[in-house]
Amino acid sequence: METTMQGLRNHVVTGDRKAVEEAVRQLADGKADPESVLKDGLIAAMTEVGSLFEHGELFVPEMLASARAMQAGLAILKPLLVTQGIEAGAKIVIGTVKGDLHDIGKNLVGMMLEGAGFEMFDLGTDVPPEGFTRAAQEHGATVIAMSAMLTTTMENMRSTMGAIAKAGVRGKVKVMIGGAPVTDAFAKEIGADGYAADASRAVALAKHLVR
């Protein structure tokens, strides 16, 4: 049965990784425009996933499954996008701050941002302040996204803000933060550009910061 763009979106929303891979291959073999598969298929599906999450119709495990299915399809699509010279969206450096080894929330945010069309550079966990600034400079990132899951490591977000300013890149990058103990008030206190309570809101925030 011929795969449609709607079919691809449905497979992403339901988190069916194998079906997404097959759908992307079928669309590519059928000479579908790779950019359309990206925007009207994968990105549109993740937008729907974010909306369903916000309305309480999907939960973190389902969102994670959708994000992983999207990534599987994107892995197949990327070579075709490169061949056509189609560039990803704004570049974002993401990581969990120094002293913190939690990564589930950070990983989900990264996948959701990638699903929204951003080019992601995941630094992993326990990232020192200079690690964020160095990566932002190396990759030409316009956004730095920091995560902390412990109240004891939140202060390393403040240290990273200092390192960003010291490196002279504060005027070139926006900074967004998140994590269980983090608040909007803390974001304002340390001079970050925004706070997101969950992955769906992180996507909306990132889009706002780069527009």
N, C-alpha and C. Protein backbone atom coordinates (compact mmCIF):
# COMPACT_ATOMS: atom_id res chain seq x y z
N MET A 1 0.85 -1.20 0.00
CA MET A 1 0.00 0.00 0.00
C MET A 1 0.88 1.24 0.00
N GLU A 2 0.54 2.18 -0.83
CA GLU A 2 1.37 3.38 -0.97
C GLU A 2 1.30 4.24 0.30
N THR A 3 2.45 4.67 0.75
CA THR A 3 2.52 5.50 1.94
C THR A 3 2.20 6.95 1.60
N THR A 4 1.39 7.59 2.41
CA THR A 4 1.08 9.00 2.24
C THR A 4 1.77 9.79 3.35
N MET A 5 1.80 11.10 3.17
CA MET A 5 2.40 11.96 4.19
C MET A 5 1.61 11.85 5.50
N GLN A 6 0.28 11.72 5.36
CA GLN A 6 -0.55 11.56 6.56
C GLN A 6 -0.21 10.26 7.27
N GLY A 7 0.05 9.22 6.48
CA GLY A 7 0.43 7.94 7.07
C GLY A 7 1.72 8.05 7.85
N LEU A 8 2.68 8.77 7.29
CA LEU A 8 3.95 8.99 7.99
C LEU A 8 3.71 9.71 9.30
N ARG A 9 2.91 10.76 9.26
CA ARG A 9 2.63 11.52 10.48
C ARG A 9 1.98 10.62 11.54
N ASN A 10 1.05 9.80 11.11
CA ASN A 10 0.37 8.90 12.06
C ASN A 10 1.35 7.94 12.72
N HIS A 11 2.28 7.43 11.93
CA HIS A 11 3.26 6.48 12.48
C HIS A 11 4.18 7.16 13.50
N VAL A 12 4.54 8.41 13.24
CA VAL A 12 5.37 9.14 14.19
C VAL A 12 4.59 9.37 15.49
N VAL A 13 3.35 9.81 15.35
CA VAL A 13 2.54 10.09 16.53
C VAL A 13 2.35 8.84 17.39
N THR A 14 2.17 7.69 16.76
CA THR A 14 1.98 6.45 17.51
C THR A 14 3.30 5.83 17.95
N GLY A 15 4.43 6.42 17.52
CA GLY A 15 5.73 5.94 17.96
C GLY A 15 6.16 4.62 17.33
N ASP A 16 5.66 4.35 16.13
CA ASP A 16 6.00 3.10 15.43
C ASP A 16 7.26 3.32 14.60
N ARG A 17 8.40 3.01 15.19
CA ARG A 17 9.69 3.29 14.58
C ARG A 17 9.88 2.59 13.23
N LYS A 18 9.59 1.31 13.18
CA LYS A 18 9.79 0.56 11.94
C LYS A 18 8.88 1.08 10.83
N ALA A 19 7.65 1.41 11.19
CA ALA A 19 6.71 1.93 10.19
C ALA A 19 7.16 3.30 9.68
N VAL A 20 7.74 4.11 10.56
CA VAL A 20 8.26 5.41 10.14
C VAL A 20 9.41 5.23 9.16
N GLU A 21 10.32 4.33 9.48
CA GLU A 21 11.46 4.08 8.58
C GLU A 21 10.97 3.62 7.21
N GLU A 22 10.01 2.71 7.19
CA GLU A 22 9.48 2.19 5.93
C GLU A 22 8.75 3.29 5.16
N ALA A 23 8.00 4.12 5.88
CA ALA A 23 7.25 5.20 5.24
C ALA A 23 8.19 6.21 4.58
N VAL A 24 9.26 6.57 5.30
CA VAL A 24 10.22 7.52 4.74
C VAL A 24 10.88 6.93 3.50
N ARG A 25 11.23 5.66 3.56
CA ARG A 25 11.85 5.00 2.39
C ARG A 25 10.89 4.98 1.20
N GLN A 26 9.64 4.65 1.46
CA GLN A 26 8.66 4.59 0.38
C GLN A 26 8.43 5.96 -0.24
N LEU A 27 8.33 6.98 0.59
CA LEU A 27 8.14 8.33 0.08
C LEU A 27 9.35 8.78 -0.74
N ALA A 28 10.55 8.44 -0.25
CA ALA A 28 11.77 8.80 -0.98
C ALA A 28 11.85 8.05 -2.31
N ASP A 29 11.51 6.78 -2.29
CA ASP A 29 11.53 5.98 -3.52
C ASP A 29 10.48 6.47 -4.51
N GLY A 30 9.42 7.05 -3.98
CA GLY A 30 8.36 7.59 -4.83
C GLY A 30 8.64 9.00 -5.29
N LYS A 31 9.88 9.44 -5.06
CA LYS A 31 10.35 10.76 -5.50
C LYS A 31 9.68 11.92 -4.77
N ALA A 32 9.23 11.67 -3.55
CA ALA A 32 8.70 12.76 -2.75
C ALA A 32 9.83 13.73 -2.42
N ASP A 33 9.51 15.00 -2.35
CA ASP A 33 10.51 16.02 -2.04
C ASP A 33 11.00 15.82 -0.60
N PRO A 34 12.31 15.59 -0.40
CA PRO A 34 12.84 15.36 0.94
C PRO A 34 12.49 16.48 1.93
N GLU A 35 12.51 17.71 1.46
CA GLU A 35 12.17 18.83 2.34
C GLU A 35 10.71 18.75 2.78
N SER A 36 9.85 18.31 1.87
CA SER A 36 8.44 18.16 2.22
C SER A 36 8.25 17.02 3.22
N VAL A 37 8.99 15.93 3.03
CA VAL A 37 8.91 14.81 3.97
C VAL A 37 9.33 15.28 5.37
N LEU A 38 10.36 16.13 5.40
CA LEU A 38 10.83 16.67 6.68
C LEU A 38 9.79 17.57 7.31
N LYS A 39 9.35 18.58 6.56
CA LYS A 39 8.47 19.60 7.13
C LYS A 39 7.02 19.15 7.27
N ASP A 40 6.48 18.55 6.20
CA ASP A 40 5.06 18.15 6.22
C ASP A 40 4.84 16.80 6.87
N GLY A 41 5.93 16.03 7.00
CA GLY A 41 5.83 14.72 7.62
C GLY A 41 6.34 14.71 9.04
N LEU A 42 7.67 14.70 9.19
CA LEU A 42 8.28 14.54 10.51
C LEU A 42 8.04 15.72 11.44
N ILE A 43 8.32 16.94 10.95
CA ILE A 43 8.16 18.11 11.83
C ILE A 43 6.69 18.33 12.17
N ALA A 44 5.82 18.17 11.19
CA ALA A 44 4.38 18.35 11.45
C ALA A 44 3.89 17.33 12.47
N ALA A 45 4.40 16.11 12.38
CA ALA A 45 4.00 15.07 13.33
C ALA A 45 4.45 15.42 14.74
N MET A 46 5.67 15.90 14.90
CA MET A 46 6.16 16.25 16.23
C MET A 46 5.44 17.46 16.80
N THR A 47 4.99 18.35 15.92
CA THR A 47 4.16 19.48 16.37
C THR A 47 2.86 18.95 16.95
N GLU A 48 2.29 17.96 16.28
CA GLU A 48 1.06 17.34 16.77
C GLU A 48 1.31 16.62 18.09
N VAL A 49 2.44 15.94 18.20
CA VAL A 49 2.80 15.24 19.45
C VAL A 49 2.88 16.24 20.60
N GLY A 50 3.52 17.38 20.35
CA GLY A 50 3.63 18.41 21.38
C GLY A 50 2.27 18.92 21.81
N SER A 51 1.37 19.11 20.85
CA SER A 51 0.03 19.58 21.17
C SER A 51 -0.75 18.55 21.98
N LEU A 52 -0.63 17.28 21.59
CA LEU A 52 -1.32 16.21 22.32
C LEU A 52 -0.80 16.10 23.75
N PHE A 53 0.50 16.32 23.93
CA PHE A 53 1.09 16.28 25.26
C PHE A 53 0.54 17.43 26.12
N GLU A 54 0.47 18.61 25.53
CA GLU A 54 -0.02 19.77 26.26
C GLU A 54 -1.47 19.59 26.70
N HIS A 55 -2.24 18.84 25.90
CA HIS A 55 -3.66 18.63 26.21
C HIS A 55 -3.88 17.36 27.04
N GLY A 56 -2.78 16.75 27.51
CA GLY A 56 -2.90 15.59 28.37
C GLY A 56 -3.32 14.32 27.67
N GLU A 57 -3.19 14.29 26.34
CA GLU A 57 -3.57 13.10 25.59
C GLU A 57 -2.38 12.18 25.33
N LEU A 58 -1.19 12.68 25.53
CA LEU A 58 0.03 11.88 25.47
C LEU A 58 0.85 12.18 26.72
N PHE A 59 1.64 11.21 27.15
CA PHE A 59 2.50 11.38 28.31
C PHE A 59 3.95 11.16 27.92
N VAL A 60 4.87 11.38 28.85
CA VAL A 60 6.30 11.35 28.53
C VAL A 60 6.73 10.06 27.82
N PRO A 61 6.32 8.87 28.27
CA PRO A 61 6.75 7.65 27.56
C PRO A 61 6.32 7.63 26.09
N GLU A 62 5.07 8.07 25.83
CA GLU A 62 4.58 8.11 24.46
C GLU A 62 5.32 9.17 23.64
N MET A 63 5.58 10.31 24.26
CA MET A 63 6.31 11.36 23.56
C MET A 63 7.72 10.90 23.22
N LEU A 64 8.33 10.17 24.14
CA LEU A 64 9.68 9.65 23.92
C LEU A 64 9.68 8.65 22.75
N ALA A 65 8.67 7.80 22.70
CA ALA A 65 8.55 6.84 21.60
C ALA A 65 8.39 7.56 20.27
N SER A 66 7.58 8.60 20.26
CA SER A 66 7.38 9.37 19.03
C SER A 66 8.68 10.04 18.59
N ALA A 67 9.39 10.59 19.55
CA ALA A 67 10.65 11.28 19.25
C ALA A 67 11.68 10.30 18.68
N ARG A 68 11.72 9.11 19.24
CA ARG A 68 12.67 8.10 18.74
C ARG A 68 12.28 7.63 17.34
N ALA A 69 10.99 7.51 17.10
CA ALA A 69 10.52 7.11 15.76
C ALA A 69 10.86 8.20 14.75
N MET A 70 10.67 9.47 15.15
CA MET A 70 11.01 10.58 14.28
C MET A 70 12.50 10.57 13.95
N GLN A 71 13.33 10.33 14.96
CA GLN A 71 14.78 10.31 14.73
C GLN A 71 15.18 9.20 13.77
N ALA A 72 14.51 8.07 13.84
CA ALA A 72 14.81 6.96 12.94
C ALA A 72 14.50 7.36 11.49
N GLY A 73 13.39 8.05 11.31
CA GLY A 73 13.05 8.52 9.97
C GLY A 73 13.99 9.60 9.50
N LEU A 74 14.38 10.48 10.41
CA LEU A 74 15.29 11.57 10.06
C LEU A 74 16.65 11.04 9.64
N ALA A 75 17.09 9.96 10.27
CA ALA A 75 18.39 9.37 9.92
C ALA A 75 18.42 8.91 8.47
N ILE A 76 17.30 8.42 7.99
CA ILE A 76 17.19 7.99 6.60
C ILE A 76 17.11 9.20 5.67
N LEU A 77 16.44 10.23 6.14
CA LEU A 77 16.19 11.40 5.31
C LEU A 77 17.39 12.33 5.19
N LYS A 78 18.22 12.39 6.22
CA LYS A 78 19.32 13.36 6.25
C LYS A 78 20.23 13.33 5.02
N PRO A 79 20.68 12.15 4.55
CA PRO A 79 21.54 12.14 3.36
C PRO A 79 20.88 12.78 2.14
N LEU A 80 19.57 12.60 2.02
CA LEU A 80 18.84 13.18 0.89
C LEU A 80 18.75 14.70 1.02
N LEU A 81 18.59 15.17 2.25
CA LEU A 81 18.53 16.62 2.49
C LEU A 81 19.88 17.25 2.18
N VAL A 82 20.95 16.56 2.58
CA VAL A 82 22.31 17.07 2.32
C VAL A 82 22.57 17.14 0.82
N THR A 83 22.14 16.11 0.10
CA THR A 83 22.33 16.07 -1.35
C THR A 83 21.66 17.26 -2.03
N GLN A 84 20.50 17.65 -1.50
CA GLN A 84 19.77 18.77 -2.08
C GLN A 84 20.22 20.12 -1.52
N GLY A 85 21.17 20.07 -0.59
CA GLY A 85 21.68 21.32 -0.02
C GLY A 85 20.72 21.99 0.93
N ILE A 86 19.81 21.20 1.51
CA ILE A 86 18.83 21.76 2.44
C ILE A 86 19.42 21.78 3.84
N GLU A 87 19.50 22.95 4.43
CA GLU A 87 20.10 23.09 5.75
C GLU A 87 19.05 22.97 6.85
N ALA A 88 19.50 22.48 7.99
CA ALA A 88 18.62 22.41 9.15
C ALA A 88 18.38 23.82 9.69
N GLY A 89 17.54 23.91 10.69
CA GLY A 89 17.24 25.21 11.28
C GLY A 89 18.37 25.68 12.18
N ALA A 90 18.06 26.61 13.06
CA ALA A 90 19.06 27.18 13.96
C ALA A 90 19.77 26.09 14.75
N LYS A 91 21.02 26.35 15.09
CA LYS A 91 21.84 25.37 15.81
C LYS A 91 21.71 25.58 17.32
N ILE A 92 21.50 24.47 18.02
CA ILE A 92 21.35 24.52 19.47
C ILE A 92 22.32 23.56 20.14
N VAL A 93 23.04 24.06 21.13
CA VAL A 93 23.91 23.23 21.96
C VAL A 93 23.14 22.90 23.23
N ILE A 94 23.07 21.61 23.57
CA ILE A 94 22.30 21.20 24.74
C ILE A 94 23.13 20.29 25.63
N GLY A 95 22.91 20.39 26.93
CA GLY A 95 23.65 19.53 27.85
C GLY A 95 23.15 19.68 29.28
N THR A 96 23.48 18.70 30.12
CA THR A 96 23.20 18.77 31.55
C THR A 96 24.42 19.35 32.24
N VAL A 97 24.20 20.28 33.14
CA VAL A 97 25.31 21.04 33.73
C VAL A 97 26.24 20.18 34.58
N LYS A 98 27.40 20.75 34.88
CA LYS A 98 28.45 20.08 35.65
C LYS A 98 27.91 19.55 36.98
N GLY A 99 28.30 18.31 37.30
CA GLY A 99 27.89 17.69 38.55
C GLY A 99 26.59 16.92 38.47
N ASP A 100 25.91 17.00 37.32
CA ASP A 100 24.60 16.37 37.17
C ASP A 100 24.66 15.32 36.06
N LEU A 101 24.28 14.09 36.38
CA LEU A 101 24.36 13.00 35.41
C LEU A 101 23.01 12.59 34.85
N HIS A 102 21.96 13.34 35.17
CA HIS A 102 20.63 13.02 34.66
C HIS A 102 20.50 13.43 33.19
N ASP A 103 19.91 12.56 32.38
CA ASP A 103 19.83 12.92 30.96
C ASP A 103 18.51 12.57 30.27
N ILE A 104 17.57 11.93 30.96
CA ILE A 104 16.33 11.53 30.29
C ILE A 104 15.56 12.75 29.79
N GLY A 105 15.37 13.72 30.68
CA GLY A 105 14.65 14.93 30.27
C GLY A 105 15.40 15.70 29.20
N LYS A 106 16.70 15.80 29.37
CA LYS A 106 17.53 16.51 28.38
C LYS A 106 17.45 15.82 27.03
N ASN A 107 17.50 14.49 27.03
CA ASN A 107 17.43 13.75 25.78
C ASN A 107 16.10 13.96 25.07
N LEU A 108 15.02 13.97 25.84
CA LEU A 108 13.70 14.16 25.25
C LEU A 108 13.58 15.56 24.64
N VAL A 109 14.07 16.56 25.38
CA VAL A 109 14.04 17.93 24.86
C VAL A 109 14.85 18.02 23.56
N GLY A 110 16.03 17.40 23.56
CA GLY A 110 16.88 17.42 22.37
C GLY A 110 16.20 16.79 21.18
N MET A 111 15.54 15.64 21.39
CA MET A 111 14.85 14.97 20.30
C MET A 111 13.66 15.78 19.80
N MET A 112 12.93 16.40 20.72
CA MET A 112 11.80 17.23 20.32
C MET A 112 12.26 18.45 19.53
N LEU A 113 13.38 19.03 19.94
CA LEU A 113 13.91 20.18 19.22
C LEU A 113 14.38 19.77 17.83
N GLU A 114 15.01 18.59 17.74
CA GLU A 114 15.43 18.09 16.44
C GLU A 114 14.21 17.82 15.56
N GLY A 115 13.16 17.30 16.18
CA GLY A 115 11.93 17.05 15.46
C GLY A 115 11.26 18.32 14.98
N ALA A 116 11.61 19.44 15.61
CA ALA A 116 11.06 20.73 15.20
C ALA A 116 11.92 21.40 14.13
N GLY A 117 12.99 20.71 13.73
CA GLY A 117 13.81 21.24 12.63
C GLY A 117 15.11 21.89 13.05
N PHE A 118 15.41 21.90 14.34
CA PHE A 118 16.66 22.49 14.80
C PHE A 118 17.82 21.51 14.60
N GLU A 119 19.02 22.06 14.45
CA GLU A 119 20.21 21.21 14.38
C GLU A 119 20.79 21.12 15.78
N MET A 120 20.85 19.90 16.32
CA MET A 120 21.21 19.72 17.72
C MET A 120 22.65 19.23 17.90
N PHE A 121 23.30 19.74 18.93
CA PHE A 121 24.63 19.28 19.34
C PHE A 121 24.53 18.93 20.82
N ASP A 122 24.41 17.64 21.10
CA ASP A 122 24.20 17.16 22.47
C ASP A 122 25.55 16.91 23.13
N LEU A 123 25.83 17.66 24.19
CA LEU A 123 27.10 17.55 24.91
C LEU A 123 27.06 16.50 26.01
N GLY A 124 25.89 15.91 26.24
CA GLY A 124 25.77 14.88 27.26
C GLY A 124 25.55 15.46 28.65
N THR A 125 26.10 14.79 29.65
CA THR A 125 25.90 15.21 31.04
C THR A 125 27.21 15.70 31.65
N ASP A 126 27.10 16.29 32.86
CA ASP A 126 28.28 16.76 33.60
C ASP A 126 29.13 17.71 32.75
N VAL A 127 28.46 18.64 32.07
CA VAL A 127 29.16 19.55 31.17
C VAL A 127 29.66 20.78 31.94
N PRO A 128 30.95 21.05 31.92
CA PRO A 128 31.48 22.23 32.62
C PRO A 128 31.06 23.51 31.90
N PRO A 129 31.06 24.64 32.61
CA PRO A 129 30.66 25.90 31.99
C PRO A 129 31.38 26.19 30.67
N GLU A 130 32.69 25.95 30.65
CA GLU A 130 33.47 26.24 29.44
C GLU A 130 33.09 25.30 28.30
N GLY A 131 32.55 24.13 28.66
CA GLY A 131 32.14 23.18 27.62
C GLY A 131 31.00 23.73 26.78
N PHE A 132 30.07 24.40 27.42
CA PHE A 132 28.96 25.00 26.69
C PHE A 132 29.45 26.13 25.77
N THR A 133 30.28 26.99 26.32
CA THR A 133 30.75 28.13 25.52
C THR A 133 31.61 27.67 24.35
N ARG A 134 32.49 26.71 24.61
CA ARG A 134 33.36 26.19 23.54
C ARG A 134 32.55 25.56 22.41
N ALA A 135 31.55 24.77 22.78
CA ALA A 135 30.73 24.11 21.77
C ALA A 135 29.91 25.13 20.98
N ALA A 136 29.40 26.13 21.67
CA ALA A 136 28.61 27.16 20.98
C ALA A 136 29.47 27.88 19.94
N GLN A 137 30.70 28.16 20.30
CA GLN A 137 31.61 28.84 19.38
C GLN A 137 32.00 27.93 18.22
N GLU A 138 32.30 26.68 18.51
CA GLU A 138 32.72 25.74 17.48
C GLU A 138 31.64 25.47 16.45
N HIS A 139 30.40 25.38 16.91
CA HIS A 139 29.31 25.01 16.01
C HIS A 139 28.52 26.22 15.49
N GLY A 140 28.84 27.39 15.99
CA GLY A 140 28.10 28.58 15.56
C GLY A 140 26.65 28.53 16.04
N ALA A 141 26.46 28.02 17.26
CA ALA A 141 25.11 27.88 17.80
C ALA A 141 24.52 29.24 18.16
N THR A 142 23.21 29.34 18.01
CA THR A 142 22.52 30.57 18.40
C THR A 142 21.75 30.39 19.70
N VAL A 143 21.67 29.14 20.18
CA VAL A 143 20.98 28.86 21.45
C VAL A 143 21.79 27.85 22.26
N ILE A 144 21.89 28.10 23.56
CA ILE A 144 22.46 27.13 24.50
C ILE A 144 21.32 26.69 25.42
N ALA A 145 21.11 25.37 25.52
CA ALA A 145 20.05 24.84 26.37
C ALA A 145 20.69 24.04 27.50
N MET A 146 20.42 24.45 28.73
CA MET A 146 21.01 23.78 29.91
C MET A 146 19.94 23.09 30.74
N SER A 147 20.29 21.91 31.26
CA SER A 147 19.38 21.16 32.12
C SER A 147 20.04 20.87 33.46
N ALA A 148 19.23 20.87 34.51
CA ALA A 148 19.70 20.46 35.84
C ALA A 148 18.54 19.76 36.54
N MET A 149 18.81 18.62 37.13
CA MET A 149 17.77 17.88 37.83
C MET A 149 17.94 17.90 39.33
N LEU A 150 19.00 18.52 39.82
CA LEU A 150 19.28 18.59 41.25
C LEU A 150 19.39 20.04 41.70
N THR A 151 18.87 20.33 42.86
CA THR A 151 18.99 21.69 43.38
C THR A 151 20.46 22.04 43.61
N THR A 152 21.27 21.02 43.90
CA THR A 152 22.69 21.25 44.17
C THR A 152 23.48 21.60 42.91
N THR A 153 22.94 21.27 41.74
CA THR A 153 23.67 21.58 40.50
C THR A 153 23.09 22.80 39.77
N MET A 154 21.98 23.30 40.25
CA MET A 154 21.38 24.50 39.62
C MET A 154 22.36 25.67 39.57
N GLU A 155 23.16 25.81 40.63
CA GLU A 155 24.09 26.93 40.68
C GLU A 155 25.11 26.88 39.54
N ASN A 156 25.34 25.69 38.99
CA ASN A 156 26.27 25.60 37.87
C ASN A 156 25.69 26.21 36.60
N MET A 157 24.38 26.43 36.60
CA MET A 157 23.78 27.20 35.50
C MET A 157 24.24 28.65 35.60
N ARG A 158 24.27 29.15 36.83
CA ARG A 158 24.74 30.52 37.04
C ARG A 158 26.21 30.64 36.62
N SER A 159 27.01 29.64 36.99
CA SER A 159 28.42 29.63 36.62
C SER A 159 28.59 29.62 35.10
N THR A 160 27.73 28.86 34.43
CA THR A 160 27.80 28.80 32.97
C THR A 160 27.43 30.14 32.35
N MET A 161 26.45 30.81 32.92
CA MET A 161 26.09 32.14 32.43
C MET A 161 27.29 33.08 32.53
N GLY A 162 28.05 32.94 33.63
CA GLY A 162 29.25 33.76 33.79
C GLY A 162 30.30 33.43 32.76
N ALA A 163 30.46 32.14 32.47
CA ALA A 163 31.44 31.71 31.47
C ALA A 163 31.07 32.20 30.07
N ILE A 164 29.76 32.21 29.78
CA ILE A 164 29.28 32.68 28.48
C ILE A 164 29.61 34.16 28.32
N ALA A 165 29.39 34.92 29.38
CA ALA A 165 29.68 36.35 29.34
C ALA A 165 31.19 36.59 29.22
N LYS A 166 31.96 35.82 29.99
CA LYS A 166 33.42 35.97 29.97
C LYS A 166 34.00 35.66 28.60
N ALA A 167 33.41 34.69 27.91
CA ALA A 167 33.91 34.28 26.59
C ALA A 167 33.51 35.27 25.50
N GLY A 168 32.66 36.23 25.86
CA GLY A 168 32.27 37.24 24.88
C GLY A 168 31.24 36.79 23.87
N VAL A 169 30.48 35.73 24.19
CA VAL A 169 29.49 35.22 23.24
C VAL A 169 28.05 35.47 23.70
N ARG A 170 27.88 36.14 24.83
CA ARG A 170 26.53 36.34 25.36
C ARG A 170 25.63 37.07 24.37
N GLY A 171 26.20 38.01 23.64
CA GLY A 171 25.39 38.74 22.68
C GLY A 171 25.06 37.95 21.42
N LYS A 172 25.70 36.80 21.27
CA LYS A 172 25.50 35.99 20.07
C LYS A 172 24.59 34.79 20.30
N VAL A 173 24.35 34.44 21.56
CA VAL A 173 23.53 33.26 21.85
C VAL A 173 22.41 33.59 22.84
N LYS A 174 21.31 32.88 22.69
CA LYS A 174 20.23 32.92 23.67
C LYS A 174 20.41 31.70 24.57
N VAL A 175 20.00 31.83 25.82
CA VAL A 175 20.17 30.74 26.77
C VAL A 175 18.82 30.34 27.35
N MET A 176 18.50 29.04 27.24
CA MET A 176 17.27 28.53 27.83
C MET A 176 17.62 27.43 28.82
N ILE A 177 16.85 27.35 29.91
CA ILE A 177 17.15 26.38 30.95
C ILE A 177 15.90 25.60 31.33
N GLY A 178 16.13 24.42 31.94
CA GLY A 178 15.01 23.61 32.39
C GLY A 178 15.48 22.52 33.33
N GLY A 179 14.52 21.76 33.85
CA GLY A 179 14.83 20.69 34.80
C GLY A 179 13.88 20.77 35.98
N ALA A 180 13.73 19.67 36.68
CA ALA A 180 12.73 19.57 37.75
C ALA A 180 12.78 20.70 38.79
N PRO A 181 13.96 21.08 39.31
CA PRO A 181 13.97 22.10 40.36
C PRO A 181 14.04 23.53 39.82
N VAL A 182 14.18 23.66 38.51
CA VAL A 182 14.38 24.98 37.90
C VAL A 182 13.05 25.72 37.77
N THR A 183 13.09 27.04 37.92
CA THR A 183 11.88 27.86 37.80
C THR A 183 12.13 29.04 36.88
N ASP A 184 11.03 29.67 36.50
CA ASP A 184 11.14 30.88 35.68
C ASP A 184 11.84 31.98 36.47
N ALA A 185 11.57 32.03 37.75
CA ALA A 185 12.19 33.06 38.59
C ALA A 185 13.71 32.87 38.63
N PHE A 186 14.16 31.62 38.69
CA PHE A 186 15.59 31.34 38.70
C PHE A 186 16.22 31.73 37.37
N ALA A 187 15.50 31.48 36.27
CA ALA A 187 16.00 31.86 34.95
C ALA A 187 16.24 33.37 34.89
N LYS A 188 15.28 34.12 35.40
CA LYS A 188 15.42 35.58 35.42
C LYS A 188 16.57 36.01 36.33
N GLU A 189 16.70 35.31 37.47
CA GLU A 189 17.74 35.65 38.45
C GLU A 189 19.15 35.52 37.87
N ILE A 190 19.37 34.48 37.07
CA ILE A 190 20.72 34.26 36.53
C ILE A 190 20.92 34.91 35.16
N GLY A 191 19.86 35.51 34.63
CA GLY A 191 20.00 36.21 33.36
C GLY A 191 19.81 35.37 32.12
N ALA A 192 19.17 34.18 32.29
CA ALA A 192 18.88 33.35 31.11
C ALA A 192 17.74 34.00 30.32
N ASP A 193 17.60 33.59 29.08
CA ASP A 193 16.58 34.19 28.21
C ASP A 193 15.22 33.52 28.33
N GLY A 194 15.18 32.35 28.95
CA GLY A 194 13.90 31.70 29.09
C GLY A 194 13.98 30.39 29.84
N TYR A 195 12.82 29.94 30.31
CA TYR A 195 12.70 28.68 31.06
C TYR A 195 11.56 27.88 30.46
N ALA A 196 11.75 26.58 30.33
CA ALA A 196 10.69 25.70 29.83
C ALA A 196 10.47 24.57 30.83
N ALA A 197 9.22 24.32 31.15
CA ALA A 197 8.88 23.30 32.15
C ALA A 197 8.89 21.90 31.58
N ASP A 198 8.76 21.77 30.26
CA ASP A 198 8.75 20.44 29.65
C ASP A 198 9.23 20.54 28.21
N ALA A 199 9.33 19.39 27.55
CA ALA A 199 9.89 19.34 26.20
C ALA A 199 9.05 20.11 25.19
N SER A 200 7.75 20.02 25.31
CA SER A 200 6.87 20.72 24.38
C SER A 200 7.06 22.23 24.48
N ARG A 201 7.13 22.72 25.70
CA ARG A 201 7.32 24.16 25.90
C ARG A 201 8.73 24.59 25.51
N ALA A 202 9.69 23.67 25.61
CA ALA A 202 11.06 23.98 25.20
C ALA A 202 11.11 24.26 23.70
N VAL A 203 10.34 23.52 22.93
CA VAL A 203 10.28 23.74 21.48
C VAL A 203 9.70 25.13 21.19
N ALA A 204 8.61 25.45 21.86
CA ALA A 204 7.97 26.75 21.66
C ALA A 204 8.92 27.88 22.05
N LEU A 205 9.63 27.69 23.15
CA LEU A 205 10.58 28.71 23.62
C LEU A 205 11.71 28.89 22.63
N ALA A 206 12.27 27.79 22.14
CA ALA A 206 13.38 27.88 21.20
C ALA A 206 12.95 28.62 19.93
N LYS A 207 11.77 28.31 19.45
CA LYS A 207 11.26 28.99 18.25
C LYS A 207 11.12 30.48 18.49
N HIS A 208 10.67 30.83 19.69
CA HIS A 208 10.52 32.26 20.05
C HIS A 208 11.88 32.95 20.11
N LEU A 209 12.87 32.25 20.67
CA LEU A 209 14.19 32.87 20.86
C LEU A 209 14.94 33.11 19.55
N VAL A 210 14.67 32.32 18.53
CA VAL A 210 15.44 32.45 17.28
C VAL A 210 14.68 33.20 16.18
N ARG A 211 13.46 33.60 16.44
CA ARG A 211 12.69 34.25 15.37
C ARG A 211 13.15 35.66 15.14
